[in-house]
PDB file of N, CA and C in Angstrom:
ATOM      1  N   MET A   1     -26.822   4.705 -27.598  1.00  0.00           N
ATOM      2  CA  MET A   1     -25.845   3.654 -27.412  1.00  0.00           C
ATOM      3  C   MET A   1     -24.425   4.207 -27.523  1.00  0.00           C
ATOM      4  N   LEU A   2     -24.207   5.075 -28.502  1.00  0.00           N
ATOM      5  CA  LEU A   2     -22.887   5.672 -28.687  1.00  0.00           C
ATOM      6  C   LEU A   2     -22.501   6.511 -27.478  1.00  0.00           C
ATOM      7  N   ARG A   3     -23.457   7.226 -26.900  1.00  0.00           N
ATOM      8  CA  ARG A   3     -23.183   8.032 -25.700  1.00  0.00           C
ATOM      9  C   ARG A   3     -22.735   7.147 -24.544  1.00  0.00           C
ATOM     10  N   LEU A   4     -23.405   6.014 -24.372  1.00  0.00           N
ATOM     11  CA  LEU A   4     -23.060   5.096 -23.292  1.00  0.00           C
ATOM     12  C   LEU A   4     -21.654   4.551 -23.493  1.00  0.00           C
ATOM     13  N   LEU A   5     -21.325   4.161 -24.698  1.00  0.00           N
ATOM     14  CA  LEU A   5     -19.993   3.653 -25.008  1.00  0.00           C
ATOM     15  C   LEU A   5     -18.939   4.731 -24.756  1.00  0.00           C
ATOM     16  N   THR A   6     -19.200   5.937 -25.190  1.00  0.00           N
ATOM     17  CA  THR A   6     -18.277   7.053 -24.972  1.00  0.00           C
ATOM     18  C   THR A   6     -18.070   7.305 -23.482  1.00  0.00           C
ATOM     19  N   LEU A   7     -19.148   7.281 -22.721  1.00  0.00           N
ATOM     20  CA  LEU A   7     -19.057   7.483 -21.282  1.00  0.00           C
ATOM     21  C   LEU A   7     -18.220   6.388 -20.627  1.00  0.00           C
ATOM     22  N   CYS A   8     -18.423   5.143 -21.034  1.00  0.00           N
ATOM     23  CA  CYS A   8     -17.651   4.028 -20.484  1.00  0.00           C
ATOM     24  C   CYS A   8     -16.163   4.192 -20.779  1.00  0.00           C
ATOM     25  N   VAL A   9     -15.832   4.568 -21.993  1.00  0.00           N
ATOM     26  CA  VAL A   9     -14.433   4.774 -22.376  1.00  0.00           C
ATOM     27  C   VAL A   9     -13.811   5.895 -21.554  1.00  0.00           C
ATOM     28  N   LEU A  10     -14.524   6.978 -21.390  1.00  0.00           N
ATOM     29  CA  LEU A  10     -14.011   8.094 -20.594  1.00  0.00           C
ATOM     30  C   LEU A  10     -13.797   7.690 -19.141  1.00  0.00           C
ATOM     31  N   LEU A  11     -14.711   6.926 -18.594  1.00  0.00           N
ATOM     32  CA  LEU A  11     -14.565   6.475 -17.206  1.00  0.00           C
ATOM     33  C   LEU A  11     -13.347   5.576 -17.036  1.00  0.00           C
ATOM     34  N   VAL A  12     -13.140   4.654 -17.962  1.00  0.00           N
ATOM     35  CA  VAL A  12     -11.995   3.742 -17.875  1.00  0.00           C
ATOM     36  C   VAL A  12     -10.688   4.508 -18.006  1.00  0.00           C
ATOM     37  N   PHE A  13     -10.583   5.345 -19.013  1.00  0.00           N
ATOM     38  CA  PHE A  13      -9.331   6.076 -19.211  1.00  0.00           C
ATOM     39  C   PHE A  13      -9.131   7.145 -18.151  1.00  0.00           C
ATOM     40  N   GLY A  14     -10.189   7.721 -17.652  1.00  0.00           N
ATOM     41  CA  GLY A  14     -10.083   8.696 -16.568  1.00  0.00           C
ATOM     42  C   GLY A  14      -9.566   8.047 -15.307  1.00  0.00           C
ATOM     43  N   ALA A  15     -10.054   6.859 -14.976  1.00  0.00           N
ATOM     44  CA  ALA A  15      -9.582   6.136 -13.793  1.00  0.00           C
ATOM     45  C   ALA A  15      -8.125   5.742 -13.953  1.00  0.00           C
ATOM     46  N   THR A  16      -7.731   5.351 -15.176  1.00  0.00           N
ATOM     47  CA  THR A  16      -6.336   5.002 -15.430  1.00  0.00           C
ATOM     48  C   THR A  16      -5.440   6.215 -15.249  1.00  0.00           C
ATOM     49  N   ALA A  17      -5.867   7.361 -15.723  1.00  0.00           N
ATOM     50  CA  ALA A  17      -5.074   8.588 -15.575  1.00  0.00           C
ATOM     51  C   ALA A  17      -4.937   8.952 -14.110  1.00  0.00           C
ATOM     52  N   LEU A  18      -6.008   8.818 -13.339  1.00  0.00           N
ATOM     53  CA  LEU A  18      -5.927   9.127 -11.912  1.00  0.00           C
ATOM     54  C   LEU A  18      -4.973   8.185 -11.204  1.00  0.00           C
ATOM     55  N   ALA A  19      -5.009   6.901 -11.525  1.00  0.00           N
ATOM     56  CA  ALA A  19      -4.110   5.932 -10.897  1.00  0.00           C
ATOM     57  C   ALA A  19      -2.658   6.234 -11.262  1.00  0.00           C
ATOM     58  N   ALA A  20      -2.420   6.682 -12.485  1.00  0.00           N
ATOM     59  CA  ALA A  20      -1.061   6.996 -12.914  1.00  0.00           C
ATOM     60  C   ALA A  20      -0.515   8.208 -12.171  1.00  0.00           C
ATOM     61  N   ASP A  21      -1.378   9.135 -11.783  1.00  0.00           N
ATOM     62  CA  ASP A  21      -0.951  10.336 -11.070  1.00  0.00           C
ATOM     63  C   ASP A  21      -0.812  10.109  -9.568  1.00  0.00           C
ATOM     64  N   MET A  22      -1.234   8.958  -9.070  1.00  0.00           N
ATOM     65  CA  MET A  22      -1.214   8.671  -7.637  1.00  0.00           C
ATOM     66  C   MET A  22       0.232   8.454  -7.161  1.00  0.00           C
ATOM     67  N   PRO A  23       0.628   9.101  -6.057  1.00  0.00           N
ATOM     68  CA  PRO A  23       1.977   8.882  -5.531  1.00  0.00           C
ATOM     69  C   PRO A  23       2.171   7.427  -5.109  1.00  0.00           C
ATOM     70  N   GLU A  24       3.382   6.943  -5.290  1.00  0.00           N
ATOM     71  CA  GLU A  24       3.724   5.570  -4.904  1.00  0.00           C
ATOM     72  C   GLU A  24       4.868   5.581  -3.898  1.00  0.00           C
ATOM     73  N   PHE A  25       4.779   4.671  -2.943  1.00  0.00           N
ATOM     74  CA  PHE A  25       5.818   4.492  -1.935  1.00  0.00           C
ATOM     75  C   PHE A  25       6.091   3.004  -1.822  1.00  0.00           C
ATOM     76  N   ALA A  26       7.298   2.642  -1.405  1.00  0.00           N
ATOM     77  CA  ALA A  26       7.678   1.230  -1.390  1.00  0.00           C
ATOM     78  C   ALA A  26       8.173   0.787  -0.019  1.00  0.00           C
ATOM     79  N   LEU A  27       7.775  -0.421   0.330  1.00  0.00           N
ATOM     80  CA  LEU A  27       8.283  -1.124   1.504  1.00  0.00           C
ATOM     81  C   LEU A  27       8.819  -2.464   1.031  1.00  0.00           C
ATOM     82  N   THR A  28       9.883  -2.931   1.651  1.00  0.00           N
ATOM     83  CA  THR A  28      10.410  -4.262   1.358  1.00  0.00           C
ATOM     84  C   THR A  28      10.420  -5.063   2.649  1.00  0.00           C
ATOM     85  N   ILE A  29       9.992  -6.298   2.556  1.00  0.00           N
ATOM     86  CA  ILE A  29      10.096  -7.226   3.684  1.00  0.00           C
ATOM     87  C   ILE A  29      11.332  -8.078   3.428  1.00  0.00           C
ATOM     88  N   ARG A  30      12.299  -7.955   4.323  1.00  0.00           N
ATOM     89  CA  ARG A  30      13.557  -8.695   4.216  1.00  0.00           C
ATOM     90  C   ARG A  30      13.935  -9.174   5.611  1.00  0.00           C
ATOM     91  N   ASN A  31      14.250 -10.458   5.723  1.00  0.00           N
ATOM     92  CA  ASN A  31      14.570 -11.052   7.027  1.00  0.00           C
ATOM     93  C   ASN A  31      13.431 -10.825   8.015  1.00  0.00           C
ATOM     94  N   GLN A  32      12.208 -10.910   7.510  1.00  0.00           N
ATOM     95  CA  GLN A  32      10.983 -10.776   8.307  1.00  0.00           C
ATOM     96  C   GLN A  32      10.859  -9.414   8.987  1.00  0.00           C
ATOM     97  N   MET A  33      11.464  -8.385   8.372  1.00  0.00           N
ATOM     98  CA  MET A  33      11.367  -7.017   8.871  1.00  0.00           C
ATOM     99  C   MET A  33      11.028  -6.087   7.699  1.00  0.00           C
ATOM    100  N   PHE A  34      10.340  -4.987   8.004  1.00  0.00           N
ATOM    101  CA  PHE A  34      10.025  -3.994   6.983  1.00  0.00           C
ATOM    102  C   PHE A  34      11.179  -3.026   6.817  1.00  0.00           C
ATOM    103  N   GLU A  35      11.490  -2.711   5.569  1.00  0.00           N
ATOM    104  CA  GLU A  35      12.512  -1.714   5.237  1.00  0.00           C
ATOM    105  C   GLU A  35      11.882  -0.692   4.308  1.00  0.00           C
ATOM    106  N   PRO A  36      11.821   0.549   4.669  1.00  0.00           N
ATOM    107  CA  PRO A  36      12.156   1.112   5.976  1.00  0.00           C
ATOM    108  C   PRO A  36      11.060   0.797   6.998  1.00  0.00           C
ATOM    109  N   ALA A  37      11.448   0.806   8.254  1.00  0.00           N
ATOM    110  CA  ALA A  37      10.481   0.545   9.326  1.00  0.00           C
ATOM    111  C   ALA A  37       9.604   1.771   9.583  1.00  0.00           C
ATOM    112  N   GLN A  38      10.078   2.933   9.154  1.00  0.00           N
ATOM    113  CA  GLN A  38       9.283   4.170   9.264  1.00  0.00           C
ATOM    114  C   GLN A  38       9.259   4.837   7.897  1.00  0.00           C
ATOM    115  N   LEU A  39       8.060   5.104   7.408  1.00  0.00           N
ATOM    116  CA  LEU A  39       7.889   5.682   6.076  1.00  0.00           C
ATOM    117  C   LEU A  39       7.011   6.914   6.179  1.00  0.00           C
ATOM    118  N   THR A  40       7.492   8.031   5.642  1.00  0.00           N
ATOM    119  CA  THR A  40       6.729   9.282   5.655  1.00  0.00           C
ATOM    120  C   THR A  40       5.958   9.415   4.345  1.00  0.00           C
ATOM    121  N   VAL A  41       4.663   9.707   4.474  1.00  0.00           N
ATOM    122  CA  VAL A  41       3.766   9.854   3.321  1.00  0.00           C
ATOM    123  C   VAL A  41       3.014  11.175   3.464  1.00  0.00           C
ATOM    124  N   PRO A  42       2.466  11.690   2.369  1.00  0.00           N
ATOM    125  CA  PRO A  42       1.715  12.946   2.475  1.00  0.00           C
ATOM    126  C   PRO A  42       0.350  12.732   3.134  1.00  0.00           C
ATOM    127  N   ALA A  43      -0.011  13.633   4.017  1.00  0.00           N
ATOM    128  CA  ALA A  43      -1.341  13.599   4.631  1.00  0.00           C
ATOM    129  C   ALA A  43      -2.372  14.049   3.603  1.00  0.00           C
ATOM    130  N   ASN A  44      -3.602  13.625   3.784  1.00  0.00           N
ATOM    131  CA  ASN A  44      -4.740  14.049   2.964  1.00  0.00           C
ATOM    132  C   ASN A  44      -4.568  13.731   1.474  1.00  0.00           C
ATOM    133  N   THR A  45      -3.831  12.663   1.174  1.00  0.00           N
ATOM    134  CA  THR A  45      -3.579  12.261  -0.199  1.00  0.00           C
ATOM    135  C   THR A  45      -3.693  10.747  -0.314  1.00  0.00           C
ATOM    136  N   LYS A  46      -4.457  10.268  -1.287  1.00  0.00           N
ATOM    137  CA  LYS A  46      -4.514   8.838  -1.530  1.00  0.00           C
ATOM    138  C   LYS A  46      -3.222   8.432  -2.224  1.00  0.00           C
ATOM    139  N   PHE A  47      -2.666   7.265  -1.852  1.00  0.00           N
ATOM    140  CA  PHE A  47      -1.424   6.813  -2.451  1.00  0.00           C
ATOM    141  C   PHE A  47      -1.402   5.297  -2.571  1.00  0.00           C
ATOM    142  N   LYS A  48      -0.451   4.822  -3.373  1.00  0.00           N
ATOM    143  CA  LYS A  48      -0.257   3.383  -3.559  1.00  0.00           C
ATOM    144  C   LYS A  48       1.008   2.974  -2.835  1.00  0.00           C
ATOM    145  N   LEU A  49       0.892   1.928  -2.017  1.00  0.00           N
ATOM    146  CA  LEU A  49       2.027   1.375  -1.302  1.00  0.00           C
ATOM    147  C   LEU A  49       2.397   0.051  -1.958  1.00  0.00           C
ATOM    148  N   LEU A  50       3.620  -0.033  -2.458  1.00  0.00           N
ATOM    149  CA  LEU A  50       4.136  -1.261  -3.057  1.00  0.00           C
ATOM    150  C   LEU A  50       4.871  -2.022  -1.974  1.00  0.00           C
ATOM    151  N   VAL A  51       4.407  -3.205  -1.646  1.00  0.00           N
ATOM    152  CA  VAL A  51       5.028  -4.010  -0.581  1.00  0.00           C
ATOM    153  C   VAL A  51       5.651  -5.236  -1.241  1.00  0.00           C
ATOM    154  N   LYS A  52       6.985  -5.296  -1.215  1.00  0.00           N
ATOM    155  CA  LYS A  52       7.730  -6.399  -1.831  1.00  0.00           C
ATOM    156  C   LYS A  52       8.216  -7.348  -0.733  1.00  0.00           C
ATOM    157  N   ASN A  53       7.970  -8.624  -0.930  1.00  0.00           N
ATOM    158  CA  ASN A  53       8.471  -9.635  -0.006  1.00  0.00           C
ATOM    159  C   ASN A  53       9.706 -10.277  -0.628  1.00  0.00           C
ATOM    160  N   ALA A  54      10.879  -9.940  -0.111  1.00  0.00           N
ATOM    161  CA  ALA A  54      12.131 -10.478  -0.623  1.00  0.00           C
ATOM    162  C   ALA A  54      12.519 -11.784   0.072  1.00  0.00           C
ATOM    163  N   ASP A  55      11.694 -12.237   1.002  1.00  0.00           N
ATOM    164  CA  ASP A  55      11.964 -13.479   1.739  1.00  0.00           C
ATOM    165  C   ASP A  55      11.407 -14.690   0.998  1.00  0.00           C
ATOM    166  N   SER A  56      11.793 -15.869   1.465  1.00  0.00           N
ATOM    167  CA  SER A  56      11.335 -17.117   0.846  1.00  0.00           C
ATOM    168  C   SER A  56      10.105 -17.693   1.550  1.00  0.00           C
ATOM    169  N   THR A  57       9.547 -16.946   2.490  1.00  0.00           N
ATOM    170  CA  THR A  57       8.335 -17.370   3.197  1.00  0.00           C
ATOM    171  C   THR A  57       7.265 -16.291   3.049  1.00  0.00           C
ATOM    172  N   PRO A  58       5.990 -16.666   3.139  1.00  0.00           N
ATOM    173  CA  PRO A  58       4.929 -15.657   3.037  1.00  0.00           C
ATOM    174  C   PRO A  58       4.956 -14.688   4.213  1.00  0.00           C
ATOM    175  N   SER A  59       4.452 -13.498   3.963  1.00  0.00           N
ATOM    176  CA  SER A  59       4.299 -12.476   4.992  1.00  0.00           C
ATOM    177  C   SER A  59       2.918 -11.867   4.831  1.00  0.00           C
ATOM    178  N   GLU A  60       2.573 -10.967   5.744  1.00  0.00           N
ATOM    179  CA  GLU A  60       1.291 -10.289   5.631  1.00  0.00           C
ATOM    180  C   GLU A  60       1.452  -8.842   6.058  1.00  0.00           C
ATOM    181  N   PHE A  61       1.048  -7.938   5.183  1.00  0.00           N
ATOM    182  CA  PHE A  61       0.984  -6.524   5.540  1.00  0.00           C
ATOM    183  C   PHE A  61      -0.365  -6.317   6.205  1.00  0.00           C
ATOM    184  N   GLU A  62      -0.337  -5.881   7.461  1.00  0.00           N
ATOM    185  CA  GLU A  62      -1.589  -5.671   8.180  1.00  0.00           C
ATOM    186  C   GLU A  62      -1.506  -4.391   9.002  1.00  0.00           C
ATOM    187  N   SER A  63      -2.631  -3.692   9.059  1.00  0.00           N
ATOM    188  CA  SER A  63      -2.730  -2.489   9.876  1.00  0.00           C
ATOM    189  C   SER A  63      -4.163  -2.328  10.354  1.00  0.00           C
ATOM    190  N   THR A  64      -4.341  -2.365  11.650  1.00  0.00           N
ATOM    191  CA  THR A  64      -5.667  -2.071  12.194  1.00  0.00           C
ATOM    192  C   THR A  64      -5.922  -0.570  12.128  1.00  0.00           C
ATOM    193  N   ASP A  65      -4.867   0.240  12.220  1.00  0.00           N
ATOM    194  CA  ASP A  65      -5.007   1.699  12.126  1.00  0.00           C
ATOM    195  C   ASP A  65      -5.539   2.129  10.757  1.00  0.00           C
ATOM    196  N   MET A  66      -5.119   1.433   9.702  1.00  0.00           N
ATOM    197  CA  MET A  66      -5.518   1.795   8.336  1.00  0.00           C
ATOM    198  C   MET A  66      -6.544   0.825   7.748  1.00  0.00           C
ATOM    199  N   ASN A  67      -6.942  -0.162   8.550  1.00  0.00           N
ATOM    200  CA  ASN A  67      -7.938  -1.146   8.119  1.00  0.00           C
ATOM    201  C   ASN A  67      -7.507  -1.859   6.830  1.00  0.00           C
ATOM    202  N   ARG A  68      -6.269  -2.379   6.831  1.00  0.00           N
ATOM    203  CA  ARG A  68      -5.723  -3.090   5.676  1.00  0.00           C
ATOM    204  C   ARG A  68      -5.136  -4.417   6.136  1.00  0.00           C
ATOM    205  N   GLU A  69      -5.256  -5.431   5.278  1.00  0.00           N
ATOM    206  CA  GLU A  69      -4.701  -6.757   5.558  1.00  0.00           C
ATOM    207  C   GLU A  69      -4.524  -7.479   4.234  1.00  0.00           C
ATOM    208  N   LYS A  70      -3.265  -7.805   3.901  1.00  0.00           N
ATOM    209  CA  LYS A  70      -3.012  -8.432   2.613  1.00  0.00           C
ATOM    210  C   LYS A  70      -1.786  -9.337   2.701  1.00  0.00           C
ATOM    211  N   ILE A  71      -1.916 -10.554   2.219  1.00  0.00           N
ATOM    212  CA  ILE A  71      -0.807 -11.512   2.210  1.00  0.00           C
ATOM    213  C   ILE A  71       0.152 -11.164   1.080  1.00  0.00           C
ATOM    214  N   VAL A  72       1.456 -11.316   1.370  1.00  0.00           N
ATOM    215  CA  VAL A  72       2.503 -11.076   0.382  1.00  0.00           C
ATOM    216  C   VAL A  72       3.266 -12.389   0.203  1.00  0.00           C
ATOM    217  N   LEU A  73       3.070 -13.029  -0.919  1.00  0.00           N
ATOM    218  CA  LEU A  73       3.741 -14.296  -1.178  1.00  0.00           C
ATOM    219  C   LEU A  73       5.249 -14.090  -1.316  1.00  0.00           C
ATOM    220  N   PRO A  74       6.030 -15.170  -1.135  1.00  0.00           N
ATOM    221  CA  PRO A  74       7.489 -15.043  -1.267  1.00  0.00           C
ATOM    222  C   PRO A  74       7.892 -14.490  -2.638  1.00  0.00           C
ATOM    223  N   ASN A  75       8.885 -13.641  -2.632  1.00  0.00           N
ATOM    224  CA  ASN A  75       9.450 -13.068  -3.861  1.00  0.00           C
ATOM    225  C   ASN A  75       8.390 -12.453  -4.772  1.00  0.00           C
ATOM    226  N   SER A  76       7.452 -11.726  -4.174  1.00  0.00           N
ATOM    227  CA  SER A  76       6.422 -11.056  -4.962  1.00  0.00           C
ATOM    228  C   SER A  76       6.130  -9.682  -4.372  1.00  0.00           C
ATOM    229  N   THR A  77       5.343  -8.912  -5.114  1.00  0.00           N
ATOM    230  CA  THR A  77       4.998  -7.549  -4.706  1.00  0.00           C
ATOM    231  C   THR A  77       3.490  -7.384  -4.783  1.00  0.00           C
ATOM    232  N   ILE A  78       2.927  -6.684  -3.801  1.00  0.00           N
ATOM    233  CA  ILE A  78       1.505  -6.366  -3.812  1.00  0.00           C
ATOM    234  C   ILE A  78       1.331  -4.848  -3.826  1.00  0.00           C
ATOM    235  N   ASN A  79       0.157  -4.407  -4.236  1.00  0.00           N
ATOM    236  CA  ASN A  79      -0.220  -3.001  -4.176  1.00  0.00           C
ATOM    237  C   ASN A  79      -1.268  -2.846  -3.094  1.00  0.00           C
ATOM    238  N   VAL A  80      -1.074  -1.842  -2.234  1.00  0.00           N
ATOM    239  CA  VAL A  80      -2.049  -1.520  -1.199  1.00  0.00           C
ATOM    240  C   VAL A  80      -2.403  -0.044  -1.378  1.00  0.00           C
ATOM    241  N   TYR A  81      -3.679   0.227  -1.613  1.00  0.00           N
ATOM    242  CA  TYR A  81      -4.131   1.609  -1.785  1.00  0.00           C
ATOM    243  C   TYR A  81      -4.574   2.138  -0.427  1.00  0.00           C
ATOM    244  N   ILE A  82      -4.023   3.286  -0.049  1.00  0.00           N
ATOM    245  CA  ILE A  82      -4.242   3.848   1.281  1.00  0.00           C
ATOM    246  C   ILE A  82      -4.583   5.322   1.159  1.00  0.00           C
ATOM    247  N   GLY A  83      -5.426   5.757   2.076  1.00  0.00           N
ATOM    248  CA  GLY A  83      -5.673   7.168   2.208  1.00  0.00           C
ATOM    249  C   GLY A  83      -6.978   7.607   1.594  1.00  0.00           C
ATOM    250  N   PRO A  84      -7.163   8.892   1.694  1.00  0.00           N
ATOM    251  CA  PRO A  84      -6.285   9.877   2.339  1.00  0.00           C
ATOM    252  C   PRO A  84      -6.274   9.720   3.860  1.00  0.00           C
ATOM    253  N   LEU A  85      -5.098   9.948   4.441  1.00  0.00           N
ATOM    254  CA  LEU A  85      -4.911   9.847   5.890  1.00  0.00           C
ATOM    255  C   LEU A  85      -4.793  11.232   6.512  1.00  0.00           C
ATOM    256  N   ASP A  86      -5.353  11.383   7.691  1.00  0.00           N
ATOM    257  CA  ASP A  86      -5.120  12.598   8.469  1.00  0.00           C
ATOM    258  C   ASP A  86      -3.675  12.594   8.946  1.00  0.00           C
ATOM    259  N   LYS A  87      -3.161  13.763   9.312  1.00  0.00           N
ATOM    260  CA  LYS A  87      -1.812  13.826   9.879  1.00  0.00           C
ATOM    261  C   LYS A  87      -1.750  12.942  11.116  1.00  0.00           C
ATOM    262  N   GLY A  88      -0.636  12.212  11.236  1.00  0.00           N
ATOM    263  CA  GLY A  88      -0.467  11.331  12.383  1.00  0.00           C
ATOM    264  C   GLY A  88       0.361  10.116  12.027  1.00  0.00           C
ATOM    265  N   SER A  89       0.437   9.176  12.957  1.00  0.00           N
ATOM    266  CA  SER A  89       1.192   7.948  12.730  1.00  0.00           C
ATOM    267  C   SER A  89       0.246   6.753  12.730  1.00  0.00           C
ATOM    268  N   TYR A  90       0.555   5.808  11.846  1.00  0.00           N
ATOM    269  CA  TYR A  90      -0.285   4.647  11.606  1.00  0.00           C
ATOM    270  C   TYR A  90       0.591   3.396  11.621  1.00  0.00           C
ATOM    271  N   LYS A  91       0.370   2.543  12.597  1.00  0.00           N
ATOM    272  CA  LYS A  91       1.182   1.338  12.742  1.00  0.00           C
ATOM    273  C   LYS A  91       0.754   0.270  11.739  1.00  0.00           C
ATOM    274  N   PHE A  92       1.743  -0.524  11.309  1.00  0.00           N
ATOM    275  CA  PHE A  92       1.482  -1.711  10.494  1.00  0.00           C
ATOM    276  C   PHE A  92       2.403  -2.817  10.980  1.00  0.00           C
ATOM    277  N   PHE A  93       2.086  -4.059  10.610  1.00  0.00           N
ATOM    278  CA  PHE A  93       2.881  -5.192  11.072  1.00  0.00           C
ATOM    279  C   PHE A  93       2.715  -6.366  10.124  1.00  0.00           C
ATOM    280  N   ASP A  94       3.616  -7.333  10.284  1.00  0.00           N
ATOM    281  CA  ASP A  94       3.535  -8.595   9.556  1.00  0.00           C
ATOM    282  C   ASP A  94       2.880  -9.584  10.514  1.00  0.00           C
ATOM    283  N   ASP A  95       1.650  -9.941  10.238  1.00  0.00           N
ATOM    284  CA  ASP A  95       0.899 -10.813  11.143  1.00  0.00           C
ATOM    285  C   ASP A  95       1.545 -12.186  11.280  1.00  0.00           C
ATOM    286  N   PHE A  96       2.337 -12.613  10.271  1.00  0.00           N
ATOM    287  CA  PHE A  96       2.998 -13.907  10.341  1.00  0.00           C
ATOM    288  C   PHE A  96       4.297 -13.853  11.147  1.00  0.00           C
ATOM    289  N   HIS A  97       4.845 -12.669  11.348  1.00  0.00           N
ATOM    290  CA  HIS A  97       6.118 -12.489  12.071  1.00  0.00           C
ATOM    291  C   HIS A  97       5.998 -11.261  12.983  1.00  0.00           C
ATOM    292  N   GLN A  98       5.093 -11.338  13.939  1.00  0.00           N
ATOM    293  CA  GLN A  98       4.773 -10.173  14.767  1.00  0.00           C
ATOM    294  C   GLN A  98       5.926  -9.719  15.653  1.00  0.00           C
ATOM    295  N   ASP A  99       6.843 -10.606  15.969  1.00  0.00           N
ATOM    296  CA  ASP A  99       7.961 -10.218  16.837  1.00  0.00           C
ATOM    297  C   ASP A  99       8.975  -9.330  16.122  1.00  0.00           C
ATOM    298  N   THR A 100       9.119  -9.465  14.788  1.00  0.00           N
ATOM    299  CA  THR A 100      10.122  -8.690  14.050  1.00  0.00           C
ATOM    300  C   THR A 100       9.512  -7.724  13.023  1.00  0.00           C
ATOM    301  N   GLY A 101       8.378  -8.055  12.464  1.00  0.00           N
ATOM    302  CA  GLY A 101       7.809  -7.280  11.370  1.00  0.00           C
ATOM    303  C   GLY A 101       6.888  -6.187  11.851  1.00  0.00           C
ATOM    304  N   LYS A 102       7.486  -5.025  12.189  1.00  0.00           N
ATOM    305  CA  LYS A 102       6.703  -3.884  12.677  1.00  0.00           C
ATOM    306  C   LYS A 102       7.158  -2.622  11.973  1.00  0.00           C
ATOM    307  N   GLY A 103       6.207  -1.696  11.793  1.00  0.00           N
ATOM    308  CA  GLY A 103       6.566  -0.429  11.183  1.00  0.00           C
ATOM    309  C   GLY A 103       5.502   0.607  11.412  1.00  0.00           C
ATOM    310  N   VAL A 104       5.769   1.811  10.902  1.00  0.00           N
ATOM    311  CA  VAL A 104       4.822   2.915  11.072  1.00  0.00           C
ATOM    312  C   VAL A 104       4.875   3.828   9.852  1.00  0.00           C
ATOM    313  N   LEU A 105       3.694   4.257   9.402  1.00  0.00           N
ATOM    314  CA  LEU A 105       3.579   5.307   8.395  1.00  0.00           C
ATOM    315  C   LEU A 105       3.343   6.619   9.120  1.00  0.00           C
ATOM    316  N   ILE A 106       4.089   7.636   8.750  1.00  0.00           N
ATOM    317  CA  ILE A 106       3.911   8.978   9.315  1.00  0.00           C
ATOM    318  C   ILE A 106       3.312   9.839   8.213  1.00  0.00           C
ATOM    319  N   ALA A 107       2.082  10.296   8.428  1.00  0.00           N
ATOM    320  CA  ALA A 107       1.421  11.166   7.458  1.00  0.00           C
ATOM    321  C   ALA A 107       1.661  12.615   7.886  1.00  0.00           C
ATOM    322  N   GLU A 108       2.305  13.372   7.001  1.00  0.00           N
ATOM    323  CA  GLU A 108       2.624  14.786   7.285  1.00  0.00           C
ATOM    324  C   GLU A 108       2.027  15.687   6.225  1.00  0.00           C
TER     325      GLU A 108
END
């Protein structure tokens, strides 16, 4: 029983340590547009993308290239875990504001 408890504790704290070491990048949605519209990230590395919606209406971070889709409520921030990505460019968009909310991640 003690071994199982020890293993569980190690797994929890090990996962926390890995998450703390994960690179973070930020996007802001303002005026229904992503800032920056182009973001460079490391290739072959898992990372956390912080998407902040500074608008008073909901938005959605979506990417068919990265297989991600997440609603961002007004004046809030979400975490999107991505990667590892091969070198290349990956489009994303705001599904609620497709005419203005467009961007691309460049993995180098």
